[in-house]
């Protein structure tokens, strides 16, 4: 179980690093938003799952599942709202 939680923590931190790197590599606003929303969400979910497996307590696992569900539900909505506002303002660069 320790190897699984450690690998989830490493994978999560790698995805978060790639989201930060994608912020610098992508040229337009919309591709930056897409990269950061997808990669950071997956990274945070992997890290929360890794911490839940490492601690092995029911309260931590329950809170982790709720945080992951909230994150998975709200991140696409927030990204869509930001992209719509940017498109209406003409920020297509």
N, C-alpha and C. Protein backbone atom coordinates (compact mmCIF):
# COMPACT_ATOMS: atom_id res chain seq x y z
N UNK A 1 0.82 -1.19 0.00
CA UNK A 1 0.00 0.00 0.00
C UNK A 1 0.87 1.26 0.00
N UNK A 2 2.02 1.15 0.62
CA UNK A 2 2.93 2.29 0.68
C UNK A 2 3.45 2.65 -0.72
N UNK A 3 3.74 1.63 -1.52
CA UNK A 3 4.22 1.87 -2.88
C UNK A 3 3.15 2.52 -3.76
N UNK A 4 1.92 2.07 -3.59
CA UNK A 4 0.81 2.63 -4.36
C UNK A 4 0.57 4.09 -4.00
N UNK A 5 0.56 4.39 -2.71
CA UNK A 5 0.33 5.78 -2.30
C UNK A 5 1.50 6.66 -2.71
N UNK A 6 2.71 6.16 -2.61
CA UNK A 6 3.87 6.93 -3.05
C UNK A 6 3.86 7.20 -4.54
N UNK A 7 3.48 6.19 -5.31
CA UNK A 7 3.44 6.40 -6.75
C UNK A 7 2.32 7.36 -7.14
N UNK A 8 1.19 7.33 -6.44
CA UNK A 8 0.12 8.29 -6.71
C UNK A 8 0.56 9.71 -6.38
N UNK A 9 1.32 9.87 -5.31
CA UNK A 9 1.83 11.20 -4.95
C UNK A 9 2.81 11.70 -6.00
N UNK A 10 3.67 10.82 -6.49
CA UNK A 10 4.64 11.22 -7.53
C UNK A 10 3.92 11.55 -8.83
N UNK A 11 2.95 10.73 -9.22
CA UNK A 11 2.20 10.99 -10.45
C UNK A 11 1.43 12.30 -10.34
N UNK A 12 0.82 12.55 -9.17
CA UNK A 12 0.09 13.80 -8.97
C UNK A 12 0.99 15.02 -9.05
N UNK A 13 2.16 14.93 -8.43
CA UNK A 13 3.07 16.07 -8.50
C UNK A 13 3.62 16.25 -9.92
N UNK A 14 3.77 15.17 -10.66
CA UNK A 14 4.21 15.28 -12.06
C UNK A 14 3.16 15.97 -12.91
N UNK A 15 1.88 15.63 -12.70
CA UNK A 15 0.82 16.29 -13.45
C UNK A 15 0.72 17.78 -13.11
N UNK A 16 0.90 18.11 -11.83
CA UNK A 16 0.86 19.52 -11.45
C UNK A 16 2.04 20.28 -12.05
N UNK A 17 3.21 19.64 -12.08
CA UNK A 17 4.37 20.25 -12.72
C UNK A 17 4.13 20.46 -14.21
N UNK A 18 3.53 19.47 -14.86
CA UNK A 18 3.24 19.61 -16.29
C UNK A 18 2.19 20.69 -16.55
N UNK A 19 1.26 20.88 -15.63
CA UNK A 19 0.29 21.97 -15.78
C UNK A 19 0.99 23.32 -15.71
N UNK A 20 1.93 23.44 -14.79
CA UNK A 20 2.69 24.69 -14.71
C UNK A 20 3.56 24.91 -15.92
N UNK A 21 4.15 23.84 -16.43
CA UNK A 21 4.96 23.94 -17.64
C UNK A 21 4.11 24.29 -18.86
N UNK A 22 2.91 23.74 -18.91
CA UNK A 22 2.00 24.03 -20.01
C UNK A 22 1.56 25.48 -20.03
N UNK A 23 1.56 26.10 -18.86
CA UNK A 23 1.22 27.52 -18.77
C UNK A 23 2.21 28.37 -19.54
N UNK A 24 3.47 27.98 -19.52
CA UNK A 24 4.51 28.72 -20.23
C UNK A 24 4.63 28.31 -21.70
N UNK A 25 4.33 27.06 -22.01
CA UNK A 25 4.54 26.55 -23.37
C UNK A 25 3.41 26.92 -24.34
N UNK A 26 2.19 26.97 -23.86
CA UNK A 26 1.06 27.24 -24.74
C UNK A 26 0.99 28.72 -25.06
N UNK A 27 0.49 29.02 -26.25
CA UNK A 27 0.53 30.40 -26.73
C UNK A 27 -0.77 31.16 -26.48
N UNK A 28 -1.91 30.53 -26.63
CA UNK A 28 -3.16 31.26 -26.51
C UNK A 28 -3.80 31.04 -25.13
N UNK A 29 -4.71 31.91 -24.81
CA UNK A 29 -5.39 31.86 -23.52
C UNK A 29 -6.19 30.57 -23.36
N UNK A 30 -6.87 30.18 -24.41
CA UNK A 30 -7.75 29.02 -24.32
C UNK A 30 -6.98 27.71 -24.18
N UNK A 31 -5.85 27.58 -24.85
CA UNK A 31 -5.05 26.36 -24.67
C UNK A 31 -4.40 26.33 -23.30
N UNK A 32 -4.03 27.49 -22.77
CA UNK A 32 -3.49 27.54 -21.41
C UNK A 32 -4.54 27.11 -20.40
N UNK A 33 -5.76 27.58 -20.59
CA UNK A 33 -6.84 27.21 -19.68
C UNK A 33 -7.13 25.72 -19.75
N UNK A 34 -7.10 25.16 -20.94
CA UNK A 34 -7.37 23.74 -21.11
C UNK A 34 -6.30 22.89 -20.45
N UNK A 35 -5.05 23.26 -20.65
CA UNK A 35 -3.95 22.48 -20.08
C UNK A 35 -3.97 22.55 -18.56
N UNK A 36 -4.12 23.74 -18.03
CA UNK A 36 -4.07 23.86 -16.58
C UNK A 36 -5.27 23.23 -15.89
N UNK A 37 -6.44 23.32 -16.48
CA UNK A 37 -7.61 22.73 -15.82
C UNK A 37 -7.55 21.21 -15.82
N UNK A 38 -7.16 20.62 -16.93
CA UNK A 38 -7.12 19.16 -17.00
C UNK A 38 -6.00 18.58 -16.15
N UNK A 39 -4.79 19.09 -16.35
CA UNK A 39 -3.64 18.50 -15.68
C UNK A 39 -3.64 18.77 -14.18
N UNK A 40 -4.02 19.97 -13.78
CA UNK A 40 -4.01 20.25 -12.34
C UNK A 40 -5.11 19.48 -11.62
N UNK A 41 -6.27 19.31 -12.25
CA UNK A 41 -7.34 18.52 -11.63
C UNK A 41 -6.91 17.08 -11.45
N UNK A 42 -6.32 16.50 -12.48
CA UNK A 42 -5.87 15.12 -12.37
C UNK A 42 -4.74 14.99 -11.35
N UNK A 43 -3.87 15.97 -11.30
CA UNK A 43 -2.78 15.94 -10.33
C UNK A 43 -3.26 16.02 -8.90
N UNK A 44 -4.20 16.92 -8.63
CA UNK A 44 -4.72 17.06 -7.28
C UNK A 44 -5.51 15.83 -6.87
N UNK A 45 -6.27 15.25 -7.78
CA UNK A 45 -7.02 14.03 -7.47
C UNK A 45 -6.06 12.88 -7.14
N UNK A 46 -4.99 12.74 -7.91
CA UNK A 46 -4.00 11.69 -7.62
C UNK A 46 -3.33 11.93 -6.27
N UNK A 47 -3.02 13.17 -5.96
CA UNK A 47 -2.37 13.46 -4.68
C UNK A 47 -3.31 13.22 -3.50
N UNK A 48 -4.58 13.56 -3.64
CA UNK A 48 -5.53 13.32 -2.55
C UNK A 48 -5.74 11.82 -2.35
N UNK A 49 -5.80 11.07 -3.44
CA UNK A 49 -5.92 9.61 -3.32
C UNK A 49 -4.68 9.01 -2.67
N UNK A 50 -3.51 9.52 -3.02
CA UNK A 50 -2.28 9.04 -2.41
C UNK A 50 -2.21 9.32 -0.93
N UNK A 51 -2.63 10.51 -0.52
CA UNK A 51 -2.64 10.85 0.91
C UNK A 51 -3.67 10.00 1.65
N UNK A 52 -4.82 9.77 1.04
CA UNK A 52 -5.84 8.94 1.68
C UNK A 52 -5.35 7.51 1.88
N UNK A 53 -4.63 6.99 0.91
CA UNK A 53 -4.09 5.64 1.06
C UNK A 53 -2.95 5.60 2.07
N UNK A 54 -2.19 6.66 2.17
CA UNK A 54 -1.07 6.70 3.10
C UNK A 54 -1.54 6.76 4.54
N UNK A 55 -2.58 7.57 4.81
CA UNK A 55 -3.05 7.77 6.18
C UNK A 55 -3.90 6.59 6.66
N UNK A 56 -4.71 6.04 5.79
CA UNK A 56 -5.56 4.87 6.09
C UNK A 56 -6.55 5.12 7.24
N UNK A 57 -7.20 6.27 7.19
CA UNK A 57 -8.28 6.56 8.14
C UNK A 57 -9.54 6.84 7.36
N UNK A 58 -10.66 6.46 7.92
CA UNK A 58 -11.94 6.61 7.23
C UNK A 58 -12.30 8.07 7.04
N UNK A 59 -12.00 8.92 8.04
CA UNK A 59 -12.35 10.34 7.92
C UNK A 59 -11.58 11.01 6.79
N UNK A 60 -10.30 10.66 6.68
CA UNK A 60 -9.47 11.26 5.64
C UNK A 60 -9.93 10.79 4.27
N UNK A 61 -10.26 9.52 4.16
CA UNK A 61 -10.72 8.98 2.88
C UNK A 61 -12.06 9.59 2.48
N UNK A 62 -12.96 9.77 3.43
CA UNK A 62 -14.26 10.36 3.14
C UNK A 62 -14.12 11.81 2.68
N UNK A 63 -13.31 12.57 3.40
CA UNK A 63 -13.07 13.96 3.01
C UNK A 63 -12.36 14.04 1.67
N UNK A 64 -11.44 13.12 1.42
CA UNK A 64 -10.74 13.10 0.14
C UNK A 64 -11.67 12.82 -1.02
N UNK A 65 -12.59 11.88 -0.83
CA UNK A 65 -13.56 11.56 -1.88
C UNK A 65 -14.47 12.76 -2.14
N UNK A 66 -14.90 13.43 -1.08
CA UNK A 66 -15.76 14.60 -1.27
C UNK A 66 -15.02 15.75 -1.96
N UNK A 67 -13.77 15.95 -1.59
CA UNK A 67 -12.98 17.01 -2.24
C UNK A 67 -12.76 16.68 -3.71
N UNK A 68 -12.45 15.42 -4.01
CA UNK A 68 -12.25 15.01 -5.41
C UNK A 68 -13.53 15.19 -6.23
N UNK A 69 -14.66 14.80 -5.66
CA UNK A 69 -15.92 14.94 -6.38
C UNK A 69 -16.24 16.42 -6.63
N UNK A 70 -16.03 17.25 -5.62
CA UNK A 70 -16.27 18.68 -5.78
C UNK A 70 -15.34 19.29 -6.82
N UNK A 71 -14.10 18.87 -6.80
CA UNK A 71 -13.12 19.39 -7.76
C UNK A 71 -13.46 18.95 -9.19
N UNK A 72 -13.83 17.71 -9.35
CA UNK A 72 -14.17 17.20 -10.68
C UNK A 72 -15.45 17.85 -11.22
N UNK A 73 -16.37 18.19 -10.33
CA UNK A 73 -17.61 18.83 -10.78
C UNK A 73 -17.45 20.32 -11.06
N UNK A 74 -16.62 21.03 -10.30
CA UNK A 74 -16.57 22.48 -10.42
C UNK A 74 -15.50 22.99 -11.37
N UNK A 75 -14.43 22.28 -11.56
CA UNK A 75 -13.35 22.78 -12.42
C UNK A 75 -13.79 22.97 -13.88
N UNK A 76 -14.47 22.03 -14.50
CA UNK A 76 -14.91 22.27 -15.89
C UNK A 76 -15.90 23.43 -16.01
N UNK A 77 -16.76 23.59 -15.01
CA UNK A 77 -17.73 24.69 -15.05
C UNK A 77 -17.03 26.03 -14.93
N UNK A 78 -16.07 26.11 -14.01
CA UNK A 78 -15.32 27.36 -13.83
C UNK A 78 -14.48 27.69 -15.06
N UNK A 79 -13.86 26.69 -15.64
CA UNK A 79 -13.06 26.92 -16.84
C UNK A 79 -13.93 27.37 -18.01
N UNK A 80 -15.09 26.77 -18.13
CA UNK A 80 -16.02 27.16 -19.20
C UNK A 80 -16.49 28.60 -19.01
N UNK A 81 -16.80 28.96 -17.77
CA UNK A 81 -17.25 30.33 -17.50
C UNK A 81 -16.14 31.34 -17.80
N UNK A 82 -14.92 31.02 -17.43
CA UNK A 82 -13.80 31.91 -17.73
C UNK A 82 -13.55 32.03 -19.23
N UNK A 83 -13.65 30.91 -19.94
CA UNK A 83 -13.44 30.94 -21.39
C UNK A 83 -14.55 31.74 -22.08
N UNK A 84 -15.77 31.60 -21.62
CA UNK A 84 -16.88 32.36 -22.20
C UNK A 84 -16.70 33.86 -21.95
N UNK A 85 -16.28 34.22 -20.76
CA UNK A 85 -16.06 35.64 -20.46
C UNK A 85 -14.89 36.19 -21.27
N UNK A 86 -13.86 35.39 -21.46
CA UNK A 86 -12.72 35.85 -22.27
C UNK A 86 -13.11 36.00 -23.73
N UNK A 87 -13.95 35.11 -24.22
CA UNK A 87 -14.39 35.22 -25.61
C UNK A 87 -15.28 36.43 -25.82
N UNK A 88 -16.14 36.72 -24.86
CA UNK A 88 -17.01 37.90 -24.97
C UNK A 88 -16.22 39.19 -24.92
N UNK A 89 -15.10 39.20 -24.18
CA UNK A 89 -14.28 40.41 -24.10
C UNK A 89 -13.31 40.53 -25.27
N UNK A 90 -13.17 39.48 -26.05
CA UNK A 90 -12.29 39.53 -27.21
C UNK A 90 -10.85 39.20 -26.89
N UNK A 91 -10.62 38.42 -25.88
CA UNK A 91 -9.24 38.03 -25.50
C UNK A 91 -8.87 36.75 -26.22
N UNK A 92 -8.73 36.82 -27.52
CA UNK A 92 -8.43 35.61 -28.31
C UNK A 92 -6.94 35.38 -28.50
N UNK A 93 -6.11 36.16 -27.87
CA UNK A 93 -4.66 36.02 -28.07
C UNK A 93 -4.14 34.82 -27.38
